[in-house]
């Protein structure tokens, strides 16, 4: 029974590639969001105040034009071809599967809180667990695991199709 659950080297390699695709997809989403945030900076009074430290007085506010600096910051946001390819692959998944696989990759197993017990000075790390991730999405643990598993299977199928075509 345990033999059927063991993965071959090829299956492990394919899963690693699928995880890399999810990493690139997350990087793509973050890069696009940063560009959007930069583009919308300073379009309101609080944004101008944050950028310049004072509220504009009239239409001739000195230092108002920061377009060149914004363009430079946007230009330096790198969106690679791998990120775009990952977007096209993960974009084929259902939205609930995308959420589950991204949340799993971003959080599960990572440290959430580091605490030191004041009585005995022991360090305690609390990590994001499957239960916590499932709770964030409002799912049962079993449903969460199935969504993540199915998402990775679908990504692996697409990667196999791409490798067969090439």
C-alpha atoms as a PDB file:
ATOM      1  CA  UNK A   1       0.000   0.000   0.000  1.00  0.00           C
ATOM      2  CA  UNK A   2       2.795   2.424   0.878  1.00  0.00           C
ATOM      3  CA  UNK A   3       4.499   1.603  -2.405  1.00  0.00           C
ATOM      4  CA  UNK A   4       1.667   3.151  -4.442  1.00  0.00           C
ATOM      5  CA  UNK A   5       2.012   6.458  -2.558  1.00  0.00           C
ATOM      6  CA  UNK A   6       5.710   6.854  -3.288  1.00  0.00           C
ATOM      7  CA  UNK A   7       6.590   9.228  -6.054  1.00  0.00           C
ATOM      8  CA  UNK A   8       9.143   8.511  -8.722  1.00  0.00           C
ATOM      9  CA  UNK A   9      12.038  10.859  -9.368  1.00  0.00           C
ATOM     10  CA  UNK A  10      10.233  12.134 -12.465  1.00  0.00           C
ATOM     11  CA  UNK A  11       7.075  12.902 -10.464  1.00  0.00           C
ATOM     12  CA  UNK A  12       9.094  14.748  -7.806  1.00  0.00           C
ATOM     13  CA  UNK A  13      10.856  16.759 -10.511  1.00  0.00           C
ATOM     14  CA  UNK A  14       7.518  17.637 -12.118  1.00  0.00           C
ATOM     15  CA  UNK A  15       6.115  18.745  -8.732  1.00  0.00           C
ATOM     16  CA  UNK A  16       9.188  20.930  -8.167  1.00  0.00           C
ATOM     17  CA  UNK A  17       8.603  22.543 -11.570  1.00  0.00           C
ATOM     18  CA  UNK A  18       4.933  23.106 -10.690  1.00  0.00           C
ATOM     19  CA  UNK A  19       5.967  24.751  -7.416  1.00  0.00           C
ATOM     20  CA  UNK A  20       8.377  26.986  -9.336  1.00  0.00           C
ATOM     21  CA  UNK A  21       5.519  27.977 -11.653  1.00  0.00           C
ATOM     22  CA  UNK A  22       3.412  28.940  -8.623  1.00  0.00           C
ATOM     23  CA  UNK A  23       6.351  30.968  -7.230  1.00  0.00           C
ATOM     24  CA  UNK A  24       6.670  32.811 -10.535  1.00  0.00           C
ATOM     25  CA  UNK A  25       2.911  33.412 -10.612  1.00  0.00           C
ATOM     26  CA  UNK A  26       3.033  34.950  -7.130  1.00  0.00           C
ATOM     27  CA  UNK A  27       6.004  37.120  -8.183  1.00  0.00           C
ATOM     28  CA  UNK A  28       4.013  38.210 -11.250  1.00  0.00           C
ATOM     29  CA  UNK A  29       1.004  39.185  -9.142  1.00  0.00           C
ATOM     30  CA  UNK A  30       3.185  41.164  -6.733  1.00  0.00           C
ATOM     31  CA  UNK A  31       5.039  42.959  -9.548  1.00  0.00           C
ATOM     32  CA  UNK A  32       1.798  43.944 -11.271  1.00  0.00           C
ATOM     33  CA  UNK A  33       0.400  45.167  -7.958  1.00  0.00           C
ATOM     34  CA  UNK A  34       3.523  47.257  -7.255  1.00  0.00           C
ATOM     35  CA  UNK A  35       3.248  48.901 -10.687  1.00  0.00           C
ATOM     36  CA  UNK A  36      -0.420  49.656 -10.058  1.00  0.00           C
ATOM     37  CA  UNK A  37       0.379  51.100  -6.626  1.00  0.00           C
ATOM     38  CA  UNK A  38       3.119  53.303  -8.060  1.00  0.00           C
ATOM     39  CA  UNK A  39       0.845  54.514 -10.838  1.00  0.00           C
ATOM     40  CA  UNK A  40      -1.844  55.571  -8.361  1.00  0.00           C
ATOM     41  CA  UNK A  41       0.426  57.282  -5.833  1.00  0.00           C
ATOM     42  CA  UNK A  42      -0.165  60.950  -5.133  1.00  0.00           C
ATOM     43  CA  UNK A  43      -3.480  61.245  -6.956  1.00  0.00           C
ATOM     44  CA  UNK A  44      -5.217  62.560  -3.877  1.00  0.00           C
ATOM     45  CA  UNK A  45      -4.504  65.071  -1.146  1.00  0.00           C
ATOM     46  CA  UNK A  46      -3.163  62.508   1.320  1.00  0.00           C
ATOM     47  CA  UNK A  47      -0.884  61.017  -1.326  1.00  0.00           C
ATOM     48  CA  UNK A  48       0.513  64.461  -2.141  1.00  0.00           C
ATOM     49  CA  UNK A  49       0.952  65.160   1.548  1.00  0.00           C
ATOM     50  CA  UNK A  50       2.765  61.844   2.005  1.00  0.00           C
ATOM     51  CA  UNK A  51       5.047  62.491  -0.978  1.00  0.00           C
ATOM     52  CA  UNK A  52       5.899  66.124  -0.194  1.00  0.00           C
ATOM     53  CA  UNK A  53       5.218  66.611   3.480  1.00  0.00           C
ATOM     54  CA  UNK A  54       2.793  69.474   2.956  1.00  0.00           C
ATOM     55  CA  UNK A  55      -0.682  70.035   1.628  1.00  0.00           C
ATOM     56  CA  UNK A  56      -0.779  71.726  -1.803  1.00  0.00           C
ATOM     57  CA  UNK A  57      -1.701  75.397  -1.841  1.00  0.00           C
ATOM     58  CA  UNK A  58      -3.366  76.260  -5.119  1.00  0.00           C
ATOM     59  CA  UNK A  59      -2.706  74.858  -8.548  1.00  0.00           C
ATOM     60  CA  UNK A  60       0.950  75.865  -8.630  1.00  0.00           C
ATOM     61  CA  UNK A  61       2.157  73.492  -5.904  1.00  0.00           C
ATOM     62  CA  UNK A  62       5.913  73.246  -6.190  1.00  0.00           C
ATOM     63  CA  UNK A  63       7.249  69.730  -6.402  1.00  0.00           C
ATOM     64  CA  UNK A  64       3.933  68.408  -7.667  1.00  0.00           C
ATOM     65  CA  UNK A  65       5.298  66.794 -10.804  1.00  0.00           C
ATOM     66  CA  UNK A  66       6.929  63.528  -9.817  1.00  0.00           C
ATOM     67  CA  UNK A  67       6.055  61.769 -13.048  1.00  0.00           C
ATOM     68  CA  UNK A  68       9.663  61.137 -14.060  1.00  0.00           C
ATOM     69  CA  UNK A  69      10.426  59.444 -10.745  1.00  0.00           C
ATOM     70  CA  UNK A  70       7.289  57.309 -11.049  1.00  0.00           C
ATOM     71  CA  UNK A  71       8.183  56.267 -14.586  1.00  0.00           C
ATOM     72  CA  UNK A  72      11.648  55.218 -13.415  1.00  0.00           C
ATOM     73  CA  UNK A  73      10.213  53.205 -10.526  1.00  0.00           C
ATOM     74  CA  UNK A  74       7.727  51.505 -12.843  1.00  0.00           C
ATOM     75  CA  UNK A  75      10.444  50.795 -15.395  1.00  0.00           C
ATOM     76  CA  UNK A  76      12.526  48.983 -12.793  1.00  0.00           C
ATOM     77  CA  UNK A  77       9.682  46.603 -11.875  1.00  0.00           C
ATOM     78  CA  UNK A  78      10.786  43.473 -13.649  1.00  0.00           C
ATOM     79  CA  UNK A  79       8.187  41.173 -15.171  1.00  0.00           C
ATOM     80  CA  UNK A  80      10.045  38.265 -16.739  1.00  0.00           C
ATOM     81  CA  UNK A  81       8.858  35.908 -19.439  1.00  0.00           C
ATOM     82  CA  UNK A  82       8.714  33.126 -16.831  1.00  0.00           C
ATOM     83  CA  UNK A  83       6.303  35.210 -14.778  1.00  0.00           C
ATOM     84  CA  UNK A  84       4.072  35.787 -17.794  1.00  0.00           C
ATOM     85  CA  UNK A  85       4.199  32.086 -18.679  1.00  0.00           C
ATOM     86  CA  UNK A  86       3.311  31.199 -15.083  1.00  0.00           C
ATOM     87  CA  UNK A  87       0.367  33.598 -15.280  1.00  0.00           C
ATOM     88  CA  UNK A  88      -0.912  31.839 -18.387  1.00  0.00           C
ATOM     89  CA  UNK A  89      -0.533  28.391 -16.763  1.00  0.00           C
ATOM     90  CA  UNK A  90      -1.972  29.191 -13.334  1.00  0.00           C
ATOM     91  CA  UNK A  91      -4.569  31.447 -14.932  1.00  0.00           C
ATOM     92  CA  UNK A  92      -6.165  28.328 -16.422  1.00  0.00           C
ATOM     93  CA  UNK A  93      -7.060  27.080 -12.925  1.00  0.00           C
ATOM     94  CA  UNK A  94     -10.360  27.845 -11.254  1.00  0.00           C
ATOM     95  CA  UNK A  95     -10.141  30.863  -8.985  1.00  0.00           C
ATOM     96  CA  UNK A  96     -10.660  28.827  -5.813  1.00  0.00           C
ATOM     97  CA  UNK A  97      -7.805  26.526  -6.828  1.00  0.00           C
ATOM     98  CA  UNK A  98      -5.577  29.539  -7.554  1.00  0.00           C
ATOM     99  CA  UNK A  99      -6.283  30.953  -4.095  1.00  0.00           C
ATOM    100  CA  UNK A 100      -5.591  27.649  -2.378  1.00  0.00           C
ATOM    101  CA  UNK A 101      -2.328  26.909  -4.177  1.00  0.00           C
ATOM    102  CA  UNK A 102      -1.002  30.474  -3.739  1.00  0.00           C
ATOM    103  CA  UNK A 103      -1.915  30.570  -0.060  1.00  0.00           C
ATOM    104  CA  UNK A 104      -0.316  27.159   0.410  1.00  0.00           C
ATOM    105  CA  UNK A 105       2.897  28.270  -1.277  1.00  0.00           C
ATOM    106  CA  UNK A 106       3.042  31.633   0.494  1.00  0.00           C
ATOM    107  CA  UNK A 107       2.152  30.627   4.026  1.00  0.00           C
ATOM    108  CA  UNK A 108       1.982  26.944   4.926  1.00  0.00           C
ATOM    109  CA  UNK A 109       5.005  25.866   6.906  1.00  0.00           C
ATOM    110  CA  UNK A 110       6.368  29.405   7.240  1.00  0.00           C
ATOM    111  CA  UNK A 111       6.912  31.039  10.618  1.00  0.00           C
ATOM    112  CA  UNK A 112       3.965  33.110  11.795  1.00  0.00           C
ATOM    113  CA  UNK A 113       5.079  34.129  15.293  1.00  0.00           C
ATOM    114  CA  UNK A 114       8.327  33.819  17.187  1.00  0.00           C
ATOM    115  CA  UNK A 115       7.914  34.070  20.919  1.00  0.00           C
ATOM    116  CA  UNK A 116      10.256  33.652  23.841  1.00  0.00           C
ATOM    117  CA  UNK A 117       8.848  32.190  27.029  1.00  0.00           C
ATOM    118  CA  UNK A 118       9.756  34.699  29.770  1.00  0.00           C
ATOM    119  CA  UNK A 119       9.946  32.024  32.449  1.00  0.00           C
ATOM    120  CA  UNK A 120      12.421  29.621  30.907  1.00  0.00           C
ATOM    121  CA  UNK A 121      13.762  31.671  27.935  1.00  0.00           C
ATOM    122  CA  UNK A 122      12.751  28.979  25.440  1.00  0.00           C
ATOM    123  CA  UNK A 123      12.130  30.091  21.886  1.00  0.00           C
ATOM    124  CA  UNK A 124       8.793  29.085  20.423  1.00  0.00           C
ATOM    125  CA  UNK A 125       7.964  29.320  16.722  1.00  0.00           C
ATOM    126  CA  UNK A 126       4.373  29.086  15.590  1.00  0.00           C
ATOM    127  CA  UNK A 127       3.999  28.275  11.917  1.00  0.00           C
ATOM    128  CA  UNK A 128       1.155  28.529   9.475  1.00  0.00           C
ATOM    129  CA  UNK A 129      -0.493  25.128   9.456  1.00  0.00           C
ATOM    130  CA  UNK A 130      -2.858  23.473   7.032  1.00  0.00           C
ATOM    131  CA  UNK A 131      -5.666  24.068   9.520  1.00  0.00           C
ATOM    132  CA  UNK A 132      -4.916  27.800   9.681  1.00  0.00           C
ATOM    133  CA  UNK A 133      -4.685  28.145   5.884  1.00  0.00           C
ATOM    134  CA  UNK A 134      -7.952  26.240   5.464  1.00  0.00           C
ATOM    135  CA  UNK A 135      -9.584  28.501   8.040  1.00  0.00           C
ATOM    136  CA  UNK A 136      -8.410  31.608   6.151  1.00  0.00           C
ATOM    137  CA  UNK A 137     -10.234  30.348   3.069  1.00  0.00           C
ATOM    138  CA  UNK A 138     -13.244  29.185   5.060  1.00  0.00           C
ATOM    139  CA  UNK A 139     -12.733  25.530   4.125  1.00  0.00           C
ATOM    140  CA  UNK A 140     -12.300  22.257   5.908  1.00  0.00           C
ATOM    141  CA  UNK A 141      -8.763  20.883   6.013  1.00  0.00           C
ATOM    142  CA  UNK A 142      -9.697  18.025   3.719  1.00  0.00           C
ATOM    143  CA  UNK A 143     -11.232  20.341   1.108  1.00  0.00           C
ATOM    144  CA  UNK A 144      -8.207  22.651   1.312  1.00  0.00           C
ATOM    145  CA  UNK A 145      -5.788  19.759   0.786  1.00  0.00           C
ATOM    146  CA  UNK A 146      -7.812  18.487  -2.172  1.00  0.00           C
ATOM    147  CA  UNK A 147      -7.858  21.913  -3.826  1.00  0.00           C
ATOM    148  CA  UNK A 148      -4.114  22.312  -3.458  1.00  0.00           C
ATOM    149  CA  UNK A 149      -3.488  18.785  -4.717  1.00  0.00           C
ATOM    150  CA  UNK A 150      -5.806  19.205  -7.710  1.00  0.00           C
ATOM    151  CA  UNK A 151      -4.266  22.567  -8.559  1.00  0.00           C
ATOM    152  CA  UNK A 152      -0.775  21.080  -8.609  1.00  0.00           C
ATOM    153  CA  UNK A 153      -2.014  18.123 -10.678  1.00  0.00           C
ATOM    154  CA  UNK A 154      -3.514  20.495 -13.236  1.00  0.00           C
ATOM    155  CA  UNK A 155      -0.305  22.539 -13.388  1.00  0.00           C
ATOM    156  CA  UNK A 156       1.722  19.340 -13.795  1.00  0.00           C
ATOM    157  CA  UNK A 157      -0.568  18.230 -16.653  1.00  0.00           C
ATOM    158  CA  UNK A 158      -0.036  21.543 -18.450  1.00  0.00           C
ATOM    159  CA  UNK A 159       3.732  21.285 -17.933  1.00  0.00           C
ATOM    160  CA  UNK A 160       3.715  17.746 -19.344  1.00  0.00           C
ATOM    161  CA  UNK A 161       1.769  18.920 -22.392  1.00  0.00           C
ATOM    162  CA  UNK A 162       4.230  21.769 -22.933  1.00  0.00           C
ATOM    163  CA  UNK A 163       7.224  19.427 -22.647  1.00  0.00           C
ATOM    164  CA  UNK A 164       5.654  16.950 -25.091  1.00  0.00           C
ATOM    165  CA  UNK A 165       5.064  19.709 -27.649  1.00  0.00           C
ATOM    166  CA  UNK A 166       8.644  20.945 -27.310  1.00  0.00           C
END
